[in-house]
């Protein structure tokens, strides 16, 4: 690389790794627990059928996901992880099925933080894995987009583990 100082090359490489890690589709989590929980969430929903959006209602096959906690609770039971399925509503990602709690109740209807890195990744069709503040608690997380058959971003998958 001729005249480019080594430190500049290292910095550019590090930035490229961080950028691709935070928003590239299909990036696996470094944390094997998160990777396993995400795999389970996606496998459970795929077993129901292909994702589709009808109005503001998310379906996998014929199964209406809005307000159905079967899949997210199965992930919690198997991995002790929090899990959420988001629907894309306008410019927001809204929790429609979750075991994340707010004031002792499922945080259904709350939005993914639009200023956070997970939102930026999902909004462009990418994935995000890393630490995130969710409703005042820090979680080690994974987020991946839910796409329709035509490739449209219609929602998002989330799994996470609260940090102690």
Protein backbone atom coordinates (compact mmCIF):
# COMPACT_ATOMS: atom_id res chain seq x y z
CA UNK A 1 0.00 0.00 0.00
CA UNK A 2 2.96 2.23 -0.52
CA UNK A 3 2.75 5.57 1.28
CA UNK A 4 -0.28 4.90 3.50
CA UNK A 5 0.80 4.70 7.14
CA UNK A 6 0.09 1.34 8.80
CA UNK A 7 -2.04 2.94 11.54
CA UNK A 8 -4.36 4.48 8.90
CA UNK A 9 -4.76 1.10 7.19
CA UNK A 10 -5.59 -0.55 10.54
CA UNK A 11 -8.10 2.19 11.42
CA UNK A 12 -9.83 1.91 8.03
CA UNK A 13 -9.99 -1.89 8.36
CA UNK A 14 -11.42 -1.61 11.89
CA UNK A 15 -14.10 0.87 10.76
CA UNK A 16 -15.03 -1.42 7.86
CA UNK A 17 -15.40 -4.39 10.22
CA UNK A 18 -17.55 -2.42 12.69
CA UNK A 19 -19.71 -1.02 9.88
CA UNK A 20 -20.30 -4.40 8.24
CA UNK A 21 -20.87 -6.09 11.61
CA UNK A 22 -23.57 -3.65 12.62
CA UNK A 23 -25.65 -3.42 9.45
CA UNK A 24 -24.85 -6.20 7.02
CA UNK A 25 -27.53 -8.83 6.48
CA UNK A 26 -26.75 -12.33 7.66
CA UNK A 27 -23.97 -11.44 10.10
CA UNK A 28 -23.93 -14.02 12.90
CA UNK A 29 -23.55 -12.92 16.48
CA UNK A 30 -20.24 -13.41 18.24
CA UNK A 31 -22.19 -14.57 21.27
CA UNK A 32 -23.26 -18.18 20.62
CA UNK A 33 -26.26 -17.82 22.98
CA UNK A 34 -27.60 -14.95 20.87
CA UNK A 35 -26.94 -16.81 17.63
CA UNK A 36 -28.76 -19.91 18.96
CA UNK A 37 -31.74 -17.91 20.25
CA UNK A 38 -32.01 -15.98 16.95
CA UNK A 39 -31.83 -19.23 14.99
CA UNK A 40 -34.63 -20.67 17.14
CA UNK A 41 -36.83 -17.56 16.73
CA UNK A 42 -36.42 -17.64 12.97
CA UNK A 43 -36.90 -21.41 12.79
CA UNK A 44 -40.10 -21.27 14.89
CA UNK A 45 -41.61 -18.56 12.70
CA UNK A 46 -40.49 -20.22 9.44
CA UNK A 47 -42.24 -23.41 10.54
CA UNK A 48 -45.50 -21.42 10.51
CA UNK A 49 -45.01 -20.28 6.91
CA UNK A 50 -43.75 -17.31 4.94
CA UNK A 51 -44.01 -13.83 6.47
CA UNK A 52 -46.54 -11.38 5.10
CA UNK A 53 -48.03 -8.09 6.17
CA UNK A 54 -51.75 -7.37 5.90
CA UNK A 55 -52.34 -3.79 6.95
CA UNK A 56 -50.56 -3.58 10.31
CA UNK A 57 -50.88 -7.29 11.03
CA UNK A 58 -47.91 -9.62 10.63
CA UNK A 59 -48.53 -13.22 9.63
CA UNK A 60 -46.27 -16.22 9.25
CA UNK A 61 -48.32 -18.45 6.99
CA UNK A 62 -51.89 -18.33 8.33
CA UNK A 63 -50.77 -17.54 11.89
CA UNK A 64 -51.48 -14.00 13.04
CA UNK A 65 -48.49 -12.85 15.11
CA UNK A 66 -49.92 -9.63 16.58
CA UNK A 67 -50.75 -10.46 20.20
CA UNK A 68 -49.65 -14.12 19.90
CA UNK A 69 -46.80 -14.85 22.32
CA UNK A 70 -46.28 -18.54 21.55
CA UNK A 71 -43.05 -18.15 19.58
CA UNK A 72 -41.39 -15.49 21.75
CA UNK A 73 -42.26 -17.39 24.93
CA UNK A 74 -40.84 -20.61 23.44
CA UNK A 75 -37.52 -18.79 22.92
CA UNK A 76 -37.66 -17.51 26.50
CA UNK A 77 -38.37 -21.00 27.85
CA UNK A 78 -35.57 -22.63 25.86
CA UNK A 79 -32.87 -19.94 26.22
CA UNK A 80 -33.95 -17.61 29.06
CA UNK A 81 -33.80 -14.87 26.42
CA UNK A 82 -36.07 -11.99 25.67
CA UNK A 83 -37.57 -12.11 22.19
CA UNK A 84 -39.70 -9.79 20.09
CA UNK A 85 -41.31 -9.69 16.69
CA UNK A 86 -41.71 -6.19 15.29
CA UNK A 87 -43.99 -5.01 12.50
CA UNK A 88 -42.93 -2.13 10.25
CA UNK A 89 -45.57 0.57 10.61
CA UNK A 90 -44.73 3.68 8.61
CA UNK A 91 -41.22 4.61 9.68
CA UNK A 92 -41.49 2.73 13.00
CA UNK A 93 -40.85 -0.82 14.12
CA UNK A 94 -43.59 -1.66 16.64
CA UNK A 95 -43.49 -4.55 19.12
CA UNK A 96 -46.44 -6.83 18.32
CA UNK A 97 -45.27 -10.01 20.07
CA UNK A 98 -42.79 -9.77 22.91
CA UNK A 99 -41.74 -11.04 26.30
CA UNK A 100 -39.89 -7.77 27.03
CA UNK A 101 -41.64 -6.20 30.01
CA UNK A 102 -42.41 -2.56 30.79
CA UNK A 103 -43.98 -1.87 34.18
CA UNK A 104 -44.65 -5.59 34.61
CA UNK A 105 -46.58 -5.87 31.34
CA UNK A 106 -45.50 -7.01 27.88
CA UNK A 107 -44.19 -3.96 26.00
CA UNK A 108 -46.56 -4.55 23.07
CA UNK A 109 -47.19 -1.40 21.07
CA UNK A 110 -43.89 0.26 21.98
CA UNK A 111 -41.51 1.32 19.22
CA UNK A 112 -37.93 0.34 18.58
CA UNK A 113 -35.77 3.37 19.42
CA UNK A 114 -35.49 5.26 16.10
CA UNK A 115 -32.18 6.82 17.16
CA UNK A 116 -30.53 3.46 17.91
CA UNK A 117 -28.21 1.32 15.80
CA UNK A 118 -30.70 -1.55 15.58
CA UNK A 119 -33.28 0.72 13.95
CA UNK A 120 -30.72 2.02 11.44
CA UNK A 121 -29.72 -1.53 10.52
CA UNK A 122 -33.26 -2.92 10.20
CA UNK A 123 -34.43 0.09 8.23
CA UNK A 124 -31.82 -0.62 5.56
CA UNK A 125 -32.39 -4.40 5.56
CA UNK A 126 -29.35 -5.16 7.70
CA UNK A 127 -28.73 -6.91 10.99
CA UNK A 128 -27.41 -5.53 14.25
CA UNK A 129 -25.70 -7.42 17.07
CA UNK A 130 -24.47 -5.59 20.15
CA UNK A 131 -25.33 -3.91 23.44
CA UNK A 132 -28.56 -1.90 23.48
CA UNK A 133 -30.57 -0.05 26.13
CA UNK A 134 -34.10 -1.43 25.97
CA UNK A 135 -36.57 0.42 28.16
CA UNK A 136 -33.84 1.25 30.68
CA UNK A 137 -32.03 -2.12 30.81
CA UNK A 138 -28.84 -3.00 28.91
CA UNK A 139 -29.13 -6.14 26.77
CA UNK A 140 -26.71 -8.06 24.58
CA UNK A 141 -28.87 -8.30 21.47
CA UNK A 142 -29.43 -9.48 17.95
CA UNK A 143 -31.79 -7.87 15.44
CA UNK A 144 -32.55 -9.10 11.92
CA UNK A 145 -35.09 -7.89 9.37
CA UNK A 146 -38.24 -9.76 8.44
CA UNK A 147 -38.78 -9.50 4.69
CA UNK A 148 -41.73 -10.38 2.48
CA UNK A 149 -41.38 -12.64 -0.56
CA UNK A 150 -40.77 -9.51 -2.65
CA UNK A 151 -37.89 -8.42 -0.36
CA UNK A 152 -39.79 -5.60 1.34
CA UNK A 153 -38.84 -5.00 4.98
CA UNK A 154 -42.04 -5.74 6.91
CA UNK A 155 -40.71 -6.20 10.44
CA UNK A 156 -37.87 -7.38 12.60
CA UNK A 157 -36.69 -10.23 14.79
CA UNK A 158 -35.08 -9.52 18.16
CA UNK A 159 -33.45 -11.66 20.84
CA UNK A 160 -31.50 -10.48 23.85
CA UNK A 161 -30.01 -11.26 27.21
CA UNK A 162 -30.11 -8.72 30.04
CA UNK A 163 -26.65 -7.78 31.29
CA UNK A 164 -26.14 -8.21 35.01
